[in-house]
Each structure stands twice: as C-alpha cells, then as structure tokens.
C-alpha cells in the first residue's frame, strides 16, 4: 500500500510556490527562451527537460540527506560550472555565426536537441546553491524525516509540473515571438540576440565560480 505523509494542502502549496519561483526571470529562463527563439519550441522543451532533470537530482540529494556529500564535491561542482559556462559560450558563438536560413531545418533540429538539453542541464547542475535551496525550502512544506518513497515521487511529479510547465510556457512564447519574423535579416537578428543571451549566461556561470562572486 502506498503511504504518504503529504496533505493535499501541502501538495498544492508546494506546487504553487514552485510555479511562482520557476516563472521569475532567471538564467534558466533565459536559456530556455534563447534556445526556443533560435531553433523552435522543441529545443526550448529539451532545455526545460535538462533543467527539470537537474532539479530532480537536487531534490533527491535534499530529501535523502546527501547535502553533506554534495558539499564535499565542491571541486567537482566548480568543474561542472566551468564546463557548463564554456559550453554555453560556445553555443552562443555558434548561434551568432549560424546561417539564418537554416533556423528551422530538420538537420539542425536533429543535431542540436542534445545541445539544448545540455544547456539547461548544465546551467542548473552547475548551481551548487540549489541543493541548499531545496534543503531550506522543503521543510516549510514537508517533514523530511518522515518522507516515504511515495512522498518523494509526489515531490518529483510536482517539480516536473511546476518547474517544467513554467519553462515550457517561456519556450512557447519565445517560439511564437520568433515566428512573427519571416525574412532572413530578421531571423539573423534573432539568432544574434539569442546567441548573445547564451554567451551572457555562460559568462555569468563562469563568473560565479570565482571566489569573490
């Protein structure tokens, strides 16, 4: 029999709070929007998927009390930040130089979905503070000491719906906005803007690895 310690009120409160937090403009929102504006909704969706998967990892670390392990992995998290930052800068430069006429081609769509996923995944996974956020955030809604496997599953589903749903809305809006521009010069401008955003996000992630940030 499935056992849960979560009340309906706690579930709804947690869902509502995650949606609000996910909607607030952030680095992850910029990443999703940039990928969707440049390559279409599917790419924004894959970037959102990367964000959600990384969030699930952090949720599991928080729920099962592995924050100490995460803290001991400081150097690894720093390495992830560097890799993620450099990768995003590279994606931004590639997008800046991309052929505007190729925006919607199937070849780019097939070859870039993995890049879109990794961009969202690395941006989120590179944020070591996310674990501490979940550790401080969950106790307001959940007694972590009483968590059951069913509770964990429910929390993961809530995160998928709340975080993933909010990011998908941004992806859809960015894609719809980009479709208003059909000529090559306008698409070129969108590519340069999206590429600039990706470069800025990558530089921000790299800057956060510095001790004075």
Protein backbone atom coordinates (compact mmCIF):
# COMPACT_ATOMS: atom_id res chain seq x y z
CA UNK A 1 0.00 0.00 0.00
CA UNK A 2 1.28 3.46 -0.95
CA UNK A 3 1.94 5.62 2.09
CA UNK A 4 2.23 9.38 2.05
CA UNK A 5 2.66 12.00 4.75
CA UNK A 6 1.75 14.86 2.41
CA UNK A 7 -1.62 16.53 2.74
CA UNK A 8 -3.47 17.96 -0.24
CA UNK A 9 -2.89 21.44 1.16
CA UNK A 10 0.87 20.84 1.34
CA UNK A 11 0.95 19.47 -2.22
CA UNK A 12 -0.95 22.46 -3.62
CA UNK A 13 1.15 24.95 -1.63
CA UNK A 14 4.38 23.33 -2.82
CA UNK A 15 3.17 23.26 -6.43
CA UNK A 16 2.08 26.88 -6.34
CA UNK A 17 5.35 28.04 -4.81
CA UNK A 18 7.48 26.14 -7.34
CA UNK A 19 5.48 27.60 -10.22
CA UNK A 20 5.98 31.13 -8.90
CA UNK A 21 9.71 30.58 -8.41
CA UNK A 22 10.07 28.99 -11.86
CA UNK A 23 8.28 31.89 -13.56
CA UNK A 24 10.62 34.52 -12.08
CA UNK A 25 13.12 35.61 -14.80
CA UNK A 26 16.42 33.83 -14.24
CA UNK A 27 19.40 32.29 -16.00
CA UNK A 28 17.41 29.12 -16.71
CA UNK A 29 14.54 31.15 -18.18
CA UNK A 30 16.99 32.97 -20.46
CA UNK A 31 18.49 29.66 -21.55
CA UNK A 32 15.12 28.13 -22.45
CA UNK A 33 13.95 31.27 -24.22
CA UNK A 34 17.15 31.64 -26.23
CA UNK A 35 17.06 28.05 -27.49
CA UNK A 36 13.37 28.29 -28.39
CA UNK A 37 13.75 31.64 -30.15
CA UNK A 38 16.70 30.40 -32.20
CA UNK A 39 15.64 26.86 -33.10
CA UNK A 40 11.99 26.45 -32.18
CA UNK A 41 9.78 25.18 -29.37
CA UNK A 42 11.21 21.65 -29.38
CA UNK A 43 14.65 22.98 -28.44
CA UNK A 44 13.19 25.08 -25.68
CA UNK A 45 11.39 21.97 -24.45
CA UNK A 46 14.64 19.99 -24.35
CA UNK A 47 16.39 22.81 -22.47
CA UNK A 48 13.49 22.76 -19.98
CA UNK A 49 13.86 18.97 -19.71
CA UNK A 50 17.53 19.41 -18.81
CA UNK A 51 16.58 21.88 -16.09
CA UNK A 52 13.95 19.53 -14.65
CA UNK A 53 16.32 16.53 -14.62
CA UNK A 54 18.96 18.55 -12.76
CA UNK A 55 16.30 19.75 -10.30
CA UNK A 56 15.23 16.15 -9.67
CA UNK A 57 18.84 15.27 -8.84
CA UNK A 58 18.96 18.11 -6.32
CA UNK A 59 15.60 17.08 -4.85
CA UNK A 60 16.86 13.53 -4.27
CA UNK A 61 20.03 14.89 -2.64
CA UNK A 62 17.99 17.12 -0.36
CA UNK A 63 15.33 14.55 0.53
CA UNK A 64 17.79 11.80 1.38
CA UNK A 65 20.15 14.00 3.37
CA UNK A 66 23.06 13.89 0.97
CA UNK A 67 23.78 17.62 1.12
CA UNK A 68 26.98 16.88 3.04
CA UNK A 69 28.17 14.69 0.17
CA UNK A 70 27.36 17.49 -2.24
CA UNK A 71 29.37 19.96 -0.16
CA UNK A 72 32.33 17.60 -0.20
CA UNK A 73 32.10 17.63 -4.01
CA UNK A 74 32.95 21.34 -4.17
CA UNK A 75 35.72 20.88 -6.74
CA UNK A 76 33.50 18.74 -8.95
CA UNK A 77 30.76 21.34 -8.85
CA UNK A 78 33.29 24.02 -9.77
CA UNK A 79 34.39 21.89 -12.71
CA UNK A 80 30.77 21.48 -13.81
CA UNK A 81 30.33 25.24 -13.67
CA UNK A 82 33.38 25.78 -15.87
CA UNK A 83 32.30 23.12 -18.35
CA UNK A 84 28.77 24.49 -18.44
CA UNK A 85 29.93 28.08 -18.85
CA UNK A 86 32.37 27.30 -21.65
CA UNK A 87 29.80 25.09 -23.38
CA UNK A 88 27.14 27.82 -23.31
CA UNK A 89 29.57 30.43 -24.62
CA UNK A 90 30.48 28.06 -27.46
CA UNK A 91 26.80 27.51 -28.26
CA UNK A 92 26.23 31.27 -28.25
CA UNK A 93 29.13 31.91 -30.63
CA UNK A 94 27.90 29.13 -32.94
CA UNK A 95 24.42 30.61 -32.93
CA UNK A 96 25.78 34.11 -33.56
CA UNK A 97 27.57 32.82 -36.66
CA UNK A 98 24.77 30.50 -37.83
CA UNK A 99 23.15 30.77 -41.25
CA UNK A 100 19.80 32.49 -40.67
CA UNK A 101 18.19 30.45 -43.44
CA UNK A 102 18.91 27.23 -41.54
CA UNK A 103 16.89 28.11 -38.46
CA UNK A 104 14.10 25.59 -38.97
CA UNK A 105 15.84 22.90 -40.99
CA UNK A 106 15.47 19.31 -39.87
CA UNK A 107 19.23 18.78 -39.87
CA UNK A 108 19.85 21.46 -37.25
CA UNK A 109 16.80 20.35 -35.27
CA UNK A 110 18.15 16.79 -35.07
CA UNK A 111 21.75 17.74 -34.32
CA UNK A 112 21.02 20.41 -31.70
CA UNK A 113 18.45 18.80 -29.39
CA UNK A 114 21.22 17.30 -27.28
CA UNK A 115 22.88 20.71 -27.06
CA UNK A 116 19.61 22.27 -25.92
CA UNK A 117 19.19 19.59 -23.23
CA UNK A 118 22.76 20.01 -22.00
CA UNK A 119 22.46 23.79 -21.89
CA UNK A 120 19.53 23.56 -19.45
CA UNK A 121 21.05 20.66 -17.51
CA UNK A 122 24.48 22.22 -17.02
CA UNK A 123 23.11 25.65 -16.10
CA UNK A 124 21.07 24.09 -13.29
CA UNK A 125 23.52 21.39 -12.21
CA UNK A 126 26.31 23.95 -12.04
CA UNK A 127 24.43 25.85 -9.34
CA UNK A 128 25.62 24.21 -6.14
CA UNK A 129 23.42 26.54 -4.09
CA UNK A 130 20.36 24.76 -5.48
CA UNK A 131 20.88 21.87 -3.06
CA UNK A 132 20.96 24.25 -0.11
CA UNK A 133 17.88 25.97 -1.54
CA UNK A 134 15.91 22.74 -1.56
CA UNK A 135 17.15 21.83 1.92
CA UNK A 136 15.90 25.15 3.24
CA UNK A 137 12.77 25.22 1.09
CA UNK A 138 11.26 21.77 1.65
CA UNK A 139 10.97 21.88 5.47
CA UNK A 140 8.41 24.67 5.08
CA UNK A 141 6.08 22.15 3.43
CA UNK A 142 7.44 18.71 4.30
CA UNK A 143 8.93 16.93 7.30
CA UNK A 144 11.99 15.42 5.62
CA UNK A 145 12.48 12.94 8.46
CA UNK A 146 9.10 11.35 7.68
CA UNK A 147 9.44 11.26 3.89
CA UNK A 148 8.35 8.00 2.25
CA UNK A 149 9.20 6.79 -1.28
CA UNK A 150 5.68 7.81 -2.31
CA UNK A 151 6.26 11.30 -0.93
CA UNK A 152 9.46 11.55 -2.93
CA UNK A 153 7.66 10.50 -6.10
CA UNK A 154 4.93 13.08 -5.46
CA UNK A 155 7.51 15.84 -4.94
CA UNK A 156 9.27 14.88 -8.18
CA UNK A 157 5.95 14.99 -10.07
CA UNK A 158 5.23 18.39 -8.53
CA UNK A 159 8.63 19.66 -9.69
CA UNK A 160 8.06 18.31 -13.21
CA UNK A 161 4.68 20.03 -13.44
CA UNK A 162 5.66 23.25 -11.68
CA UNK A 163 9.18 23.88 -12.98
CA UNK A 164 8.81 22.12 -16.32
CA UNK A 165 5.42 23.67 -17.04
CA UNK A 166 6.63 27.21 -16.35
CA UNK A 167 9.71 26.79 -18.56
CA UNK A 168 7.58 25.34 -21.38
CA UNK A 169 5.42 28.47 -21.33
CA UNK A 170 8.55 30.57 -21.83
CA UNK A 171 9.68 28.26 -24.65
CA UNK A 172 6.29 28.56 -26.37
CA UNK A 173 6.22 32.37 -26.04
CA UNK A 174 9.78 32.70 -27.39
CA UNK A 175 8.99 30.42 -30.32
CA UNK A 176 5.74 32.25 -31.15
CA UNK A 177 7.54 35.59 -31.00
CA UNK A 178 10.29 34.43 -33.34
CA UNK A 179 7.76 33.12 -35.89
CA UNK A 180 6.48 36.67 -36.37
CA UNK A 181 9.69 37.38 -38.26
CA UNK A 182 9.94 35.58 -41.57
CA UNK A 183 12.66 37.38 -43.53
CA UNK A 184 16.29 36.33 -43.35
CA UNK A 185 17.52 39.62 -41.88
CA UNK A 186 15.03 39.43 -39.01
CA UNK A 187 15.91 35.80 -38.29
CA UNK A 188 19.56 36.75 -38.35
CA UNK A 189 18.82 39.39 -35.72
CA UNK A 190 17.00 36.80 -33.58
CA UNK A 191 19.95 34.41 -33.87
CA UNK A 192 22.37 37.14 -32.81
CA UNK A 193 20.17 38.15 -29.88
CA UNK A 194 19.72 34.53 -28.74
CA UNK A 195 23.44 33.88 -29.22
CA UNK A 196 24.26 36.96 -27.15
CA UNK A 197 21.98 35.70 -24.38
CA UNK A 198 23.69 32.28 -24.41
CA UNK A 199 27.13 33.92 -24.24
CA UNK A 200 26.00 36.16 -21.37
CA UNK A 201 24.56 33.18 -19.48
CA UNK A 202 27.79 31.24 -19.99
CA UNK A 203 29.91 34.17 -18.79
CA UNK A 204 27.64 34.57 -15.77
CA UNK A 205 28.07 30.89 -14.90
CA UNK A 206 31.85 31.21 -15.25
CA UNK A 207 31.87 34.35 -13.09
CA UNK A 208 30.00 32.50 -10.32
CA UNK A 209 32.95 30.11 -9.97
CA UNK A 210 35.15 32.95 -8.79
CA UNK A 211 35.60 33.25 -5.00
CA UNK A 212 34.62 36.92 -4.95
CA UNK A 213 31.22 36.31 -6.63
